[in-house]
């Protein structure tokens, strides 16, 4: 990892479908090399009905963006 990115940093996406967008890092997954950006890469996961959640339903999740596709915004 060439950059020292951490939670709370403002970054710009330099590659991919969301190229050019900026956002704040909400969560980092260092083992997978991905960052979750606020408002970008949000999807709905459908949950199966279980004993603890009888109705099932939908859950909003963040998809991670690879750290190589991010650039730290200047100060």
N, C-alpha and C. Protein backbone atom coordinates (compact mmCIF):
# COMPACT_ATOMS: atom_id res chain seq x y z
N UNK A 1 0.85 -1.18 0.00
CA UNK A 1 0.00 0.00 0.00
C UNK A 1 0.89 1.23 0.00
N UNK A 2 0.78 2.02 -1.04
CA UNK A 2 1.64 3.18 -1.21
C UNK A 2 1.18 4.36 -0.37
N UNK A 3 -0.12 4.42 -0.06
CA UNK A 3 -0.65 5.56 0.67
C UNK A 3 -1.01 5.15 2.09
N UNK A 4 -0.95 6.10 2.98
CA UNK A 4 -1.37 5.84 4.35
C UNK A 4 -2.80 6.35 4.52
N UNK A 5 -3.76 5.54 4.11
CA UNK A 5 -5.17 5.89 4.23
C UNK A 5 -5.71 5.35 5.53
N UNK A 6 -6.63 6.09 6.13
CA UNK A 6 -7.26 5.65 7.36
C UNK A 6 -8.70 6.14 7.39
N UNK A 7 -9.47 5.65 8.33
CA UNK A 7 -10.86 6.03 8.48
C UNK A 7 -10.96 7.53 8.74
N UNK A 8 -11.86 8.19 8.01
CA UNK A 8 -12.06 9.62 8.17
C UNK A 8 -11.36 10.45 7.10
N UNK A 9 -10.46 9.87 6.33
CA UNK A 9 -9.76 10.59 5.26
C UNK A 9 -10.72 10.84 4.10
N UNK A 10 -10.53 11.98 3.41
CA UNK A 10 -11.27 12.28 2.20
C UNK A 10 -10.44 11.79 1.02
N UNK A 11 -11.06 11.00 0.16
CA UNK A 11 -10.35 10.42 -0.98
C UNK A 11 -11.11 10.69 -2.28
N UNK A 12 -10.38 10.60 -3.39
CA UNK A 12 -10.95 10.73 -4.72
C UNK A 12 -10.76 9.39 -5.43
N UNK A 13 -11.79 8.93 -6.13
CA UNK A 13 -11.71 7.67 -6.86
C UNK A 13 -11.11 7.97 -8.23
N UNK A 14 -10.03 7.27 -8.55
CA UNK A 14 -9.30 7.55 -9.79
C UNK A 14 -9.52 6.49 -10.87
N UNK A 15 -10.24 5.42 -10.58
CA UNK A 15 -10.51 4.38 -11.58
C UNK A 15 -11.80 3.66 -11.25
N UNK A 16 -12.45 3.12 -12.27
CA UNK A 16 -13.67 2.35 -12.07
C UNK A 16 -14.92 3.11 -12.44
N UNK A 17 -16.07 2.53 -12.10
CA UNK A 17 -17.36 3.12 -12.45
C UNK A 17 -17.60 4.47 -11.76
N UNK A 18 -17.05 4.67 -10.59
CA UNK A 18 -17.27 5.89 -9.82
C UNK A 18 -16.12 6.87 -9.96
N UNK A 19 -15.37 6.80 -11.05
CA UNK A 19 -14.20 7.64 -11.27
C UNK A 19 -14.57 9.12 -11.17
N UNK A 20 -13.76 9.88 -10.43
CA UNK A 20 -13.97 11.31 -10.28
C UNK A 20 -14.75 11.71 -9.04
N UNK A 21 -15.43 10.77 -8.41
CA UNK A 21 -16.22 11.09 -7.21
C UNK A 21 -15.30 11.16 -5.99
N UNK A 22 -15.71 11.95 -5.02
CA UNK A 22 -14.96 12.05 -3.77
C UNK A 22 -15.85 11.67 -2.61
N UNK A 23 -15.24 11.24 -1.53
CA UNK A 23 -16.00 10.85 -0.35
C UNK A 23 -15.09 10.57 0.82
N UNK A 24 -15.70 10.35 1.97
CA UNK A 24 -14.96 10.10 3.20
C UNK A 24 -14.95 8.60 3.48
N UNK A 25 -13.82 8.09 3.94
CA UNK A 25 -13.71 6.67 4.27
C UNK A 25 -14.47 6.39 5.56
N UNK A 26 -15.41 5.44 5.48
CA UNK A 26 -16.21 5.06 6.64
C UNK A 26 -15.56 3.89 7.38
N UNK A 27 -15.01 2.94 6.61
CA UNK A 27 -14.45 1.72 7.21
C UNK A 27 -13.35 1.21 6.30
N UNK A 28 -12.31 0.61 6.90
CA UNK A 28 -11.21 0.03 6.13
C UNK A 28 -11.17 -1.48 6.36
N UNK A 29 -10.87 -2.22 5.30
CA UNK A 29 -10.65 -3.66 5.39
C UNK A 29 -9.23 -3.91 4.87
N UNK A 30 -8.26 -3.87 5.77
CA UNK A 30 -6.85 -3.94 5.38
C UNK A 30 -6.46 -5.32 4.85
N UNK A 31 -7.10 -6.38 5.35
CA UNK A 31 -6.74 -7.72 4.86
C UNK A 31 -7.15 -7.91 3.40
N UNK A 32 -8.31 -7.35 3.01
CA UNK A 32 -8.77 -7.45 1.63
C UNK A 32 -8.25 -6.30 0.78
N UNK A 33 -7.70 -5.26 1.41
CA UNK A 33 -7.18 -4.10 0.68
C UNK A 33 -8.28 -3.24 0.09
N UNK A 34 -9.37 -3.07 0.85
CA UNK A 34 -10.51 -2.30 0.37
C UNK A 34 -10.94 -1.26 1.39
N UNK A 35 -11.57 -0.19 0.88
CA UNK A 35 -12.10 0.87 1.73
C UNK A 35 -13.57 1.08 1.40
N UNK A 36 -14.39 1.33 2.42
CA UNK A 36 -15.80 1.63 2.22
C UNK A 36 -15.95 3.15 2.25
N UNK A 37 -16.49 3.71 1.16
CA UNK A 37 -16.62 5.15 1.01
C UNK A 37 -18.06 5.56 1.28
N UNK A 38 -18.23 6.67 1.99
CA UNK A 38 -19.55 7.17 2.36
C UNK A 38 -20.37 7.53 1.11
N UNK A 39 -21.51 6.87 0.94
CA UNK A 39 -22.42 7.17 -0.15
C UNK A 39 -22.07 6.54 -1.49
N UNK A 40 -20.98 5.78 -1.56
CA UNK A 40 -20.55 5.15 -2.81
C UNK A 40 -20.44 3.65 -2.60
N UNK A 41 -20.96 2.88 -3.53
CA UNK A 41 -20.87 1.43 -3.45
C UNK A 41 -21.86 0.83 -2.47
N UNK A 42 -23.03 1.42 -2.35
CA UNK A 42 -24.04 0.91 -1.42
C UNK A 42 -24.99 -0.01 -2.18
N UNK A 43 -25.21 -1.20 -1.65
CA UNK A 43 -26.10 -2.19 -2.26
C UNK A 43 -27.04 -2.74 -1.19
N UNK A 44 -28.12 -3.41 -1.64
CA UNK A 44 -29.04 -4.05 -0.71
C UNK A 44 -28.85 -5.55 -0.77
N UNK A 45 -28.68 -6.17 0.37
CA UNK A 45 -28.54 -7.61 0.47
C UNK A 45 -29.87 -8.16 0.98
N UNK A 46 -30.43 -9.13 0.28
CA UNK A 46 -31.69 -9.74 0.69
C UNK A 46 -31.40 -10.81 1.72
N UNK A 47 -32.08 -10.73 2.86
CA UNK A 47 -31.86 -11.65 3.97
C UNK A 47 -32.96 -12.70 4.00
N UNK A 48 -32.55 -13.94 4.19
CA UNK A 48 -33.48 -15.06 4.27
C UNK A 48 -34.22 -15.03 5.62
N UNK A 49 -35.43 -15.49 5.64
CA UNK A 49 -36.19 -15.59 6.89
C UNK A 49 -35.57 -16.69 7.76
N UNK A 50 -35.34 -16.35 9.03
CA UNK A 50 -34.76 -17.31 9.98
C UNK A 50 -35.61 -17.32 11.25
N UNK A 51 -35.21 -18.13 12.19
CA UNK A 51 -35.93 -18.19 13.46
C UNK A 51 -35.82 -16.85 14.19
N UNK A 52 -34.67 -16.18 14.09
CA UNK A 52 -34.47 -14.92 14.79
C UNK A 52 -35.00 -13.73 14.00
N UNK A 53 -35.13 -13.89 12.70
CA UNK A 53 -35.66 -12.84 11.82
C UNK A 53 -36.73 -13.47 10.92
N UNK A 54 -37.94 -13.71 11.46
CA UNK A 54 -38.96 -14.47 10.73
C UNK A 54 -39.42 -13.83 9.43
N UNK A 55 -39.35 -12.51 9.32
CA UNK A 55 -39.84 -11.86 8.12
C UNK A 55 -38.78 -11.75 7.03
N UNK A 56 -37.52 -11.95 7.38
CA UNK A 56 -36.47 -11.76 6.38
C UNK A 56 -36.30 -10.27 6.13
N UNK A 57 -36.08 -9.90 4.88
CA UNK A 57 -36.03 -8.48 4.54
C UNK A 57 -34.76 -8.11 3.80
N UNK A 58 -34.46 -6.81 3.80
CA UNK A 58 -33.31 -6.28 3.10
C UNK A 58 -32.35 -5.61 4.08
N UNK A 59 -31.07 -5.65 3.76
CA UNK A 59 -30.04 -5.03 4.58
C UNK A 59 -29.13 -4.22 3.66
N UNK A 60 -28.85 -2.99 4.02
CA UNK A 60 -27.97 -2.14 3.22
C UNK A 60 -26.52 -2.42 3.61
N UNK A 61 -25.67 -2.66 2.60
CA UNK A 61 -24.25 -2.93 2.85
C UNK A 61 -23.39 -2.05 1.97
N UNK A 62 -22.14 -1.85 2.37
CA UNK A 62 -21.14 -1.13 1.57
C UNK A 62 -20.29 -2.14 0.82
N UNK A 63 -20.06 -1.90 -0.45
CA UNK A 63 -19.09 -2.68 -1.20
C UNK A 63 -17.76 -1.92 -1.15
N UNK A 64 -16.71 -2.64 -0.91
CA UNK A 64 -15.41 -2.00 -0.79
C UNK A 64 -14.84 -1.61 -2.14
N UNK A 65 -14.06 -0.53 -2.17
CA UNK A 65 -13.34 -0.09 -3.35
C UNK A 65 -11.86 -0.34 -3.09
N UNK A 66 -11.19 -0.95 -4.06
CA UNK A 66 -9.79 -1.31 -3.90
C UNK A 66 -8.94 -0.07 -3.62
N UNK A 67 -7.98 -0.22 -2.73
CA UNK A 67 -7.14 0.92 -2.33
C UNK A 67 -6.32 1.47 -3.49
N UNK A 68 -6.02 0.64 -4.49
CA UNK A 68 -5.26 1.12 -5.63
C UNK A 68 -6.06 2.08 -6.51
N UNK A 69 -7.38 2.12 -6.32
CA UNK A 69 -8.24 3.01 -7.10
C UNK A 69 -8.55 4.30 -6.36
N UNK A 70 -7.88 4.55 -5.24
CA UNK A 70 -8.14 5.73 -4.43
C UNK A 70 -6.92 6.62 -4.36
N UNK A 71 -7.19 7.93 -4.25
CA UNK A 71 -6.13 8.93 -4.10
C UNK A 71 -6.53 9.86 -2.97
N UNK A 72 -5.63 10.07 -2.04
CA UNK A 72 -5.91 10.94 -0.90
C UNK A 72 -6.00 12.38 -1.37
N UNK A 73 -7.05 13.07 -0.95
CA UNK A 73 -7.24 14.46 -1.32
C UNK A 73 -6.26 15.33 -0.55
N UNK A 74 -5.77 16.39 -1.19
CA UNK A 74 -4.80 17.29 -0.57
C UNK A 74 -5.37 18.03 0.61
N UNK A 75 -4.48 18.54 1.44
CA UNK A 75 -4.90 19.22 2.67
C UNK A 75 -5.32 20.65 2.39
